[in-house]
């Protein structure tokens, strides 16, 4: 893995929920899930995810240079938080013990990212 994750410490994501804006450091985000235009941002130190309306494609483009990869139709993952790849099941396990499926088409991108 040759990616420099130190850039994440300086990148922040503004999450606008109703009348308040939360600013989150990208290195504290484990993954993002999408349901239509509603995006759920899962945070290392928060039990429930932030949610706001935005296109996952926009977020993917904004975070692509900071170690975030799209692993399937509805999910972008912070690769810094990946601790295990299961090739047989095409799954990732994150630092918070969450296991996420990877689409068949995205699996090779994930393997290339880690140089396996």
N, C-alpha and C. Protein backbone atom coordinates (compact mmCIF):
# COMPACT_ATOMS: atom_id res chain seq x y z
N UNK A 1 0.84 -1.16 0.00
CA UNK A 1 0.00 0.00 0.00
C UNK A 1 0.90 1.24 0.00
N UNK A 2 0.90 1.99 -1.09
CA UNK A 2 1.78 3.14 -1.24
C UNK A 2 1.07 4.48 -1.07
N UNK A 3 -0.18 4.47 -0.69
CA UNK A 3 -0.93 5.71 -0.60
C UNK A 3 -0.55 6.46 0.67
N UNK A 4 -0.43 7.78 0.55
CA UNK A 4 -0.10 8.64 1.69
C UNK A 4 -1.39 9.14 2.33
N UNK A 5 -1.76 8.55 3.45
CA UNK A 5 -3.00 8.92 4.13
C UNK A 5 -2.85 10.19 4.97
N UNK A 6 -1.66 10.75 5.07
CA UNK A 6 -1.47 11.95 5.90
C UNK A 6 -2.26 13.15 5.35
N UNK A 7 -2.60 13.13 4.06
CA UNK A 7 -3.40 14.21 3.47
C UNK A 7 -4.80 14.27 4.09
N UNK A 8 -5.27 13.13 4.60
CA UNK A 8 -6.62 13.08 5.17
C UNK A 8 -6.76 13.96 6.40
N UNK A 9 -5.70 14.13 7.16
CA UNK A 9 -5.78 14.90 8.40
C UNK A 9 -6.15 16.36 8.13
N UNK A 10 -5.81 16.85 6.95
CA UNK A 10 -6.06 18.24 6.62
C UNK A 10 -7.37 18.44 5.84
N UNK A 11 -7.95 17.35 5.36
CA UNK A 11 -9.19 17.44 4.58
C UNK A 11 -10.39 17.33 5.51
N UNK A 12 -11.33 18.23 5.34
CA UNK A 12 -12.54 18.21 6.15
C UNK A 12 -13.75 18.10 5.22
N UNK A 13 -14.79 17.47 5.71
CA UNK A 13 -16.04 17.31 4.97
C UNK A 13 -17.13 18.05 5.74
N UNK A 14 -17.77 19.00 5.07
CA UNK A 14 -18.86 19.74 5.70
C UNK A 14 -20.16 18.97 5.49
N UNK A 15 -20.81 18.61 6.58
CA UNK A 15 -22.06 17.86 6.54
C UNK A 15 -23.17 18.79 7.01
N UNK A 16 -24.02 19.17 6.09
CA UNK A 16 -25.09 20.12 6.38
C UNK A 16 -26.37 19.35 6.66
N UNK A 17 -26.76 19.32 7.94
CA UNK A 17 -27.97 18.64 8.39
C UNK A 17 -28.97 19.68 8.87
N UNK A 18 -30.07 19.81 8.15
CA UNK A 18 -31.13 20.75 8.52
C UNK A 18 -30.55 22.13 8.81
N UNK A 19 -30.55 22.57 10.05
CA UNK A 19 -30.11 23.92 10.38
C UNK A 19 -28.68 23.99 10.92
N UNK A 20 -27.97 22.88 10.92
CA UNK A 20 -26.61 22.91 11.46
C UNK A 20 -25.62 22.29 10.47
N UNK A 21 -24.38 22.70 10.59
CA UNK A 21 -23.32 22.16 9.75
C UNK A 21 -22.28 21.52 10.66
N UNK A 22 -21.96 20.26 10.41
CA UNK A 22 -20.91 19.56 11.14
C UNK A 22 -19.70 19.46 10.21
N UNK A 23 -18.54 19.78 10.73
CA UNK A 23 -17.31 19.65 9.97
C UNK A 23 -16.55 18.46 10.53
N UNK A 24 -16.30 17.47 9.67
CA UNK A 24 -15.69 16.21 10.10
C UNK A 24 -14.36 16.03 9.39
N UNK A 25 -13.35 15.62 10.15
CA UNK A 25 -12.06 15.29 9.55
C UNK A 25 -12.19 13.98 8.77
N UNK A 26 -11.65 13.95 7.59
CA UNK A 26 -11.80 12.78 6.73
C UNK A 26 -11.14 11.52 7.31
N UNK A 27 -10.08 11.68 8.10
CA UNK A 27 -9.44 10.50 8.66
C UNK A 27 -10.30 9.83 9.74
N UNK A 28 -11.38 10.50 10.18
CA UNK A 28 -12.28 9.92 11.18
C UNK A 28 -13.52 9.29 10.55
N UNK A 29 -13.64 9.36 9.23
CA UNK A 29 -14.77 8.74 8.52
C UNK A 29 -14.37 7.33 8.13
N UNK A 30 -15.21 6.34 8.47
CA UNK A 30 -14.90 4.97 8.07
C UNK A 30 -15.48 4.67 6.69
N UNK A 31 -16.74 5.05 6.47
CA UNK A 31 -17.37 4.84 5.17
C UNK A 31 -18.62 5.70 5.04
N UNK A 32 -19.11 5.76 3.81
CA UNK A 32 -20.33 6.51 3.50
C UNK A 32 -21.27 5.58 2.76
N UNK A 33 -22.53 5.58 3.18
CA UNK A 33 -23.58 4.80 2.52
C UNK A 33 -24.57 5.76 1.90
N UNK A 34 -25.19 5.32 0.82
CA UNK A 34 -26.14 6.17 0.12
C UNK A 34 -27.45 5.43 -0.09
N UNK A 35 -28.54 6.15 0.08
CA UNK A 35 -29.87 5.65 -0.22
C UNK A 35 -30.56 6.76 -1.00
N UNK A 36 -30.53 6.68 -2.33
CA UNK A 36 -31.01 7.77 -3.16
C UNK A 36 -30.04 8.92 -3.05
N UNK A 37 -30.51 10.10 -2.67
CA UNK A 37 -29.63 11.24 -2.45
C UNK A 37 -29.32 11.47 -0.97
N UNK A 38 -29.79 10.58 -0.12
CA UNK A 38 -29.50 10.67 1.31
C UNK A 38 -28.22 9.89 1.60
N UNK A 39 -27.22 10.60 2.09
CA UNK A 39 -25.91 10.00 2.38
C UNK A 39 -25.74 9.88 3.88
N UNK A 40 -25.30 8.71 4.34
CA UNK A 40 -25.01 8.46 5.75
C UNK A 40 -23.49 8.39 5.90
N UNK A 41 -22.96 9.21 6.78
CA UNK A 41 -21.52 9.28 7.02
C UNK A 41 -21.22 8.61 8.35
N UNK A 42 -20.47 7.51 8.30
CA UNK A 42 -20.14 6.75 9.51
C UNK A 42 -18.80 7.23 10.04
N UNK A 43 -18.81 7.56 11.31
CA UNK A 43 -17.69 8.21 11.98
C UNK A 43 -17.10 7.27 13.02
N UNK A 44 -15.80 7.33 13.21
CA UNK A 44 -15.11 6.46 14.16
C UNK A 44 -15.62 6.66 15.58
N UNK A 45 -15.86 7.90 15.98
CA UNK A 45 -16.19 8.20 17.38
C UNK A 45 -17.67 8.45 17.63
N UNK A 46 -18.52 8.20 16.64
CA UNK A 46 -19.95 8.47 16.81
C UNK A 46 -20.73 7.20 16.49
N UNK A 47 -21.65 6.82 17.37
CA UNK A 47 -22.40 5.57 17.18
C UNK A 47 -23.40 5.64 16.04
N UNK A 48 -24.08 6.76 15.91
CA UNK A 48 -25.05 6.89 14.82
C UNK A 48 -24.44 7.76 13.71
N UNK A 49 -24.76 7.45 12.47
CA UNK A 49 -24.15 8.20 11.37
C UNK A 49 -24.78 9.59 11.19
N UNK A 50 -23.97 10.48 10.64
CA UNK A 50 -24.51 11.76 10.18
C UNK A 50 -25.30 11.45 8.91
N UNK A 51 -26.30 12.24 8.61
CA UNK A 51 -27.02 12.05 7.35
C UNK A 51 -27.28 13.41 6.72
N UNK A 52 -27.14 13.46 5.42
CA UNK A 52 -27.45 14.68 4.69
C UNK A 52 -27.71 14.36 3.23
N UNK A 53 -28.27 15.32 2.53
CA UNK A 53 -28.65 15.12 1.14
C UNK A 53 -27.53 15.61 0.23
N UNK A 54 -27.02 14.70 -0.55
CA UNK A 54 -25.98 15.01 -1.53
C UNK A 54 -25.78 13.80 -2.40
N UNK A 55 -25.25 13.99 -3.57
CA UNK A 55 -24.98 12.89 -4.48
C UNK A 55 -23.72 12.16 -4.05
N UNK A 56 -23.79 10.83 -4.01
CA UNK A 56 -22.61 10.04 -3.65
C UNK A 56 -21.51 10.24 -4.69
N UNK A 57 -21.87 10.44 -5.92
CA UNK A 57 -20.90 10.69 -6.99
C UNK A 57 -20.09 11.96 -6.70
N UNK A 58 -20.76 13.01 -6.24
CA UNK A 58 -20.07 14.26 -5.88
C UNK A 58 -19.07 14.02 -4.75
N UNK A 59 -19.50 13.30 -3.73
CA UNK A 59 -18.64 13.01 -2.59
C UNK A 59 -17.46 12.14 -3.02
N UNK A 60 -17.75 11.14 -3.85
CA UNK A 60 -16.70 10.26 -4.35
C UNK A 60 -15.62 11.08 -5.07
N UNK A 61 -16.02 12.00 -5.92
CA UNK A 61 -15.07 12.84 -6.65
C UNK A 61 -14.27 13.74 -5.70
N UNK A 62 -14.94 14.29 -4.70
CA UNK A 62 -14.29 15.18 -3.74
C UNK A 62 -13.24 14.45 -2.89
N UNK A 63 -13.52 13.19 -2.55
CA UNK A 63 -12.66 12.45 -1.63
C UNK A 63 -11.71 11.46 -2.32
N UNK A 64 -11.78 11.34 -3.62
CA UNK A 64 -10.99 10.33 -4.35
C UNK A 64 -9.49 10.47 -4.10
N UNK A 65 -8.98 11.66 -4.03
CA UNK A 65 -7.54 11.86 -3.82
C UNK A 65 -7.10 11.73 -2.38
N UNK A 66 -8.02 11.35 -1.51
CA UNK A 66 -7.72 11.26 -0.09
C UNK A 66 -7.86 9.83 0.45
N UNK A 67 -7.84 8.84 -0.43
CA UNK A 67 -7.87 7.45 0.00
C UNK A 67 -9.24 6.85 0.15
N UNK A 68 -10.25 7.45 -0.45
CA UNK A 68 -11.61 6.92 -0.43
C UNK A 68 -11.90 6.27 -1.78
N UNK A 69 -12.44 5.06 -1.75
CA UNK A 69 -12.78 4.35 -2.98
C UNK A 69 -14.22 3.87 -2.92
N UNK A 70 -14.87 3.88 -4.07
CA UNK A 70 -16.22 3.34 -4.17
C UNK A 70 -16.09 1.83 -4.29
N UNK A 71 -16.82 1.09 -3.43
CA UNK A 71 -16.70 -0.37 -3.44
C UNK A 71 -17.93 -1.05 -4.02
N UNK A 72 -19.02 -0.32 -4.14
CA UNK A 72 -20.21 -0.81 -4.81
C UNK A 72 -21.12 0.38 -5.13
N UNK A 73 -22.29 0.10 -5.60
CA UNK A 73 -23.21 1.16 -6.03
C UNK A 73 -23.51 2.20 -4.97
N UNK A 74 -23.60 1.78 -3.73
CA UNK A 74 -24.09 2.64 -2.66
C UNK A 74 -23.07 2.97 -1.57
N UNK A 75 -21.80 2.69 -1.81
CA UNK A 75 -20.87 2.81 -0.69
C UNK A 75 -19.49 3.29 -1.13
N UNK A 76 -18.95 4.23 -0.35
CA UNK A 76 -17.57 4.71 -0.50
C UNK A 76 -16.88 4.44 0.82
N UNK A 77 -15.66 3.90 0.75
CA UNK A 77 -14.94 3.49 1.96
C UNK A 77 -13.61 4.24 2.08
N UNK A 78 -13.30 4.61 3.32
CA UNK A 78 -11.99 5.18 3.63
C UNK A 78 -11.02 4.00 3.75
N UNK A 79 -10.13 3.85 2.80
CA UNK A 79 -9.25 2.69 2.75
C UNK A 79 -8.27 2.64 3.92
N UNK A 80 -8.11 3.74 4.62
CA UNK A 80 -7.25 3.76 5.80
C UNK A 80 -7.83 2.89 6.91
N UNK A 81 -9.14 2.69 6.91
CA UNK A 81 -9.80 1.92 7.97
C UNK A 81 -10.02 0.46 7.60
N UNK A 82 -9.53 0.02 6.46
CA UNK A 82 -9.67 -1.38 6.07
C UNK A 82 -8.58 -2.20 6.78
N UNK A 83 -9.00 -3.26 7.47
CA UNK A 83 -8.05 -4.11 8.18
C UNK A 83 -7.97 -5.51 7.59
N UNK A 84 -8.95 -5.89 6.75
CA UNK A 84 -8.94 -7.24 6.20
C UNK A 84 -9.68 -7.27 4.87
N UNK A 85 -9.12 -8.03 3.92
CA UNK A 85 -9.77 -8.29 2.63
C UNK A 85 -10.07 -9.77 2.57
N UNK A 86 -11.31 -10.13 2.28
CA UNK A 86 -11.68 -11.53 2.12
C UNK A 86 -12.01 -11.75 0.64
N UNK A 87 -11.05 -12.32 -0.08
CA UNK A 87 -11.20 -12.49 -1.53
C UNK A 87 -12.29 -13.50 -1.87
N UNK A 88 -12.43 -14.53 -1.06
CA UNK A 88 -13.43 -15.56 -1.34
C UNK A 88 -14.85 -14.98 -1.32
N UNK A 89 -15.11 -14.10 -0.35
CA UNK A 89 -16.44 -13.50 -0.22
C UNK A 89 -16.51 -12.10 -0.82
N UNK A 90 -15.39 -11.57 -1.28
CA UNK A 90 -15.28 -10.19 -1.78
C UNK A 90 -15.84 -9.21 -0.74
N UNK A 91 -15.22 -9.21 0.43
CA UNK A 91 -15.65 -8.35 1.52
C UNK A 91 -14.45 -7.61 2.12
N UNK A 92 -14.74 -6.46 2.72
CA UNK A 92 -13.75 -5.69 3.49
C UNK A 92 -14.20 -5.67 4.94
N UNK A 93 -13.25 -5.74 5.84
CA UNK A 93 -13.58 -5.54 7.25
C UNK A 93 -12.87 -4.27 7.70
N UNK A 94 -13.59 -3.42 8.39
CA UNK A 94 -13.07 -2.13 8.82
C UNK A 94 -12.61 -2.16 10.27
N UNK A 95 -11.95 -1.10 10.70
CA UNK A 95 -11.43 -1.02 12.07
C UNK A 95 -12.54 -1.10 13.12
N UNK A 96 -13.76 -0.71 12.75
CA UNK A 96 -14.87 -0.77 13.70
C UNK A 96 -15.63 -2.09 13.60
N UNK A 97 -15.01 -3.12 13.00
CA UNK A 97 -15.54 -4.48 12.88
C UNK A 97 -16.72 -4.60 11.93
N UNK A 98 -17.00 -3.59 11.13
CA UNK A 98 -18.06 -3.65 10.13
C UNK A 98 -17.52 -4.36 8.90
N UNK A 99 -18.29 -5.29 8.36
CA UNK A 99 -17.92 -6.02 7.14
C UNK A 99 -18.80 -5.52 6.00
N UNK A 100 -18.17 -5.14 4.90
CA UNK A 100 -18.89 -4.57 3.76
C UNK A 100 -18.62 -5.36 2.49
N UNK A 101 -19.65 -5.64 1.71
CA UNK A 101 -19.45 -6.36 0.44
C UNK A 101 -18.90 -5.44 -0.64
N UNK A 102 -18.06 -6.01 -1.49
CA UNK A 102 -17.48 -5.29 -2.62
C UNK A 102 -18.06 -5.89 -3.89
N UNK A 103 -18.45 -5.05 -4.83
CA UNK A 103 -19.00 -5.56 -6.08
C UNK A 103 -17.91 -6.28 -6.88
N UNK A 104 -18.34 -7.14 -7.73
CA UNK A 104 -17.41 -7.92 -8.56
C UNK A 104 -16.53 -6.99 -9.40
N UNK A 105 -17.14 -5.96 -9.97
CA UNK A 105 -16.38 -5.04 -10.83
C UNK A 105 -15.40 -4.17 -10.05
N UNK A 106 -15.66 -3.88 -8.80
CA UNK A 106 -14.78 -3.02 -8.00
C UNK A 106 -13.68 -3.80 -7.27
N UNK A 107 -13.79 -5.11 -7.21
CA UNK A 107 -12.84 -5.91 -6.43
C UNK A 107 -11.41 -5.73 -6.91
N UNK A 108 -11.18 -5.71 -8.21
CA UNK A 108 -9.82 -5.57 -8.73
C UNK A 108 -9.23 -4.21 -8.38
N UNK A 109 -10.05 -3.17 -8.35
CA UNK A 109 -9.57 -1.83 -7.97
C UNK A 109 -9.09 -1.85 -6.52
N UNK A 110 -9.85 -2.53 -5.67
CA UNK A 110 -9.47 -2.63 -4.25
C UNK A 110 -8.16 -3.40 -4.11
N UNK A 111 -8.05 -4.51 -4.80
CA UNK A 111 -6.82 -5.31 -4.74
C UNK A 111 -5.62 -4.52 -5.25
N UNK A 112 -5.82 -3.76 -6.33
CA UNK A 112 -4.74 -2.94 -6.88
C UNK A 112 -4.33 -1.85 -5.90
N UNK A 113 -5.29 -1.29 -5.18
CA UNK A 113 -5.00 -0.24 -4.21
C UNK A 113 -4.02 -0.76 -3.15
N UNK A 114 -4.25 -2.00 -2.70
CA UNK A 114 -3.40 -2.58 -1.68
C UNK A 114 -2.21 -3.34 -2.26
N UNK A 115 -2.12 -3.39 -3.59
CA UNK A 115 -0.97 -4.04 -4.22
C UNK A 115 -0.97 -5.54 -4.09
N UNK A 116 -2.20 -6.16 -3.99
CA UNK A 116 -2.25 -7.62 -3.88
C UNK A 116 -2.68 -8.25 -5.18
